[in-house]
Amino acid sequence: MCRFNVSFNINKNFETFLNLKKSNDVSQAINLLGKYVTIADVSTKLPVSGTVSGVNLVNDEPELVVGDGKYKLTDILSIEI
């Protein structure tokens, strides 16, 4: 019985952590709107620079719109402040 409670608490804590991470990622993406960024285009292996003009949510993950492309937060190489 005790083992079940511990397992349940760990799963609940992990679920809470994942929800906080998703919320944080969305906040970070929204804060990049209007910012000039350089992104690693994974399809061409070349850097792409431009202003973040939009944020889409795809499968609960933020997607940055830069020029004609759509990129993940993890693709960012630099941000101009």
Protein backbone atom coordinates (compact mmCIF):
# COMPACT_ATOMS: atom_id res chain seq x y z
CA MET A 1 0.00 0.00 0.00
CA CYS A 2 2.76 2.45 0.87
CA ARG A 3 4.59 1.67 -2.38
CA PHE A 4 1.49 2.62 -4.38
CA ASN A 5 1.20 5.97 -2.61
CA VAL A 6 4.85 6.81 -3.24
CA SER A 7 4.52 5.85 -6.91
CA PHE A 8 1.34 7.91 -7.27
CA ASN A 9 3.01 10.96 -5.69
CA ILE A 10 6.04 10.67 -8.00
CA ASN A 11 3.79 10.42 -11.06
CA LYS A 12 1.70 13.40 -9.89
CA ASN A 13 4.84 15.47 -9.23
CA PHE A 14 6.23 14.60 -12.65
CA GLU A 15 2.94 15.55 -14.31
CA THR A 16 3.00 18.88 -12.47
CA PHE A 17 6.60 19.45 -13.58
CA LEU A 18 5.71 18.77 -17.25
CA ASN A 19 2.76 21.18 -17.07
CA LEU A 20 4.99 23.90 -15.60
CA LYS A 21 7.61 23.31 -18.32
CA LYS A 22 4.99 23.61 -21.08
CA SER A 23 3.67 26.82 -19.54
CA ASN A 24 7.19 28.22 -19.24
CA ASP A 25 8.01 27.31 -22.85
CA VAL A 26 4.88 29.09 -24.10
CA SER A 27 5.74 32.18 -22.02
CA GLN A 28 9.28 32.22 -23.41
CA ALA A 29 7.98 31.95 -26.97
CA ILE A 30 5.48 34.77 -26.50
CA ASN A 31 8.22 36.95 -25.02
CA LEU A 32 10.20 36.48 -28.24
CA LEU A 33 7.51 38.13 -30.38
CA GLY A 34 9.08 41.10 -32.15
CA LYS A 35 12.61 40.04 -31.23
CA TYR A 36 15.34 39.47 -33.82
CA VAL A 37 16.67 35.92 -33.56
CA THR A 38 19.08 33.60 -35.30
CA ILE A 39 17.83 30.04 -35.59
CA ALA A 40 19.43 26.80 -36.75
CA ASP A 41 17.31 25.53 -39.63
CA VAL A 42 17.52 21.77 -39.08
CA SER A 43 16.47 20.96 -42.65
CA THR A 44 19.15 23.07 -44.39
CA LYS A 45 21.75 23.07 -41.58
CA LEU A 46 22.08 26.84 -42.12
CA PRO A 47 21.36 29.69 -39.72
CA VAL A 48 18.24 31.76 -40.38
CA SER A 49 17.84 35.27 -38.97
CA GLY A 50 14.71 37.36 -38.65
CA THR A 51 12.04 38.77 -36.40
CA VAL A 52 9.70 36.44 -34.56
CA SER A 53 6.33 37.39 -36.02
CA GLY A 54 4.15 34.69 -34.51
CA VAL A 55 3.84 31.78 -32.12
CA ASN A 56 1.85 28.64 -32.87
CA LEU A 57 1.03 25.80 -30.51
CA VAL A 58 1.62 22.40 -32.08
CA ASN A 59 0.99 19.39 -29.83
CA ASP A 60 1.22 21.71 -26.80
CA GLU A 61 4.68 22.84 -27.93
CA PRO A 62 5.36 26.44 -29.01
CA GLU A 63 6.52 26.99 -32.58
CA LEU A 64 8.15 30.28 -33.58
CA VAL A 65 7.30 31.90 -36.90
CA VAL A 66 10.34 33.62 -38.44
CA GLY A 67 10.02 34.69 -42.06
CA ASP A 68 8.40 31.83 -43.96
CA GLY A 69 9.69 29.21 -41.50
CA LYS A 70 8.45 27.64 -38.30
CA TYR A 71 10.95 26.62 -35.65
CA LYS A 72 11.22 25.15 -32.16
CA LEU A 73 12.55 27.07 -29.17
CA THR A 74 15.47 24.65 -29.04
CA ASP A 75 16.54 25.76 -32.54
CA ILE A 76 17.42 29.28 -31.33
CA LEU A 77 21.11 30.15 -31.59
CA SER A 78 20.93 33.81 -30.47
CA ILE A 79 18.52 36.57 -29.52
CA GLU A 80 19.17 40.29 -30.03
CA ILE A 81 18.07 42.33 -27.06
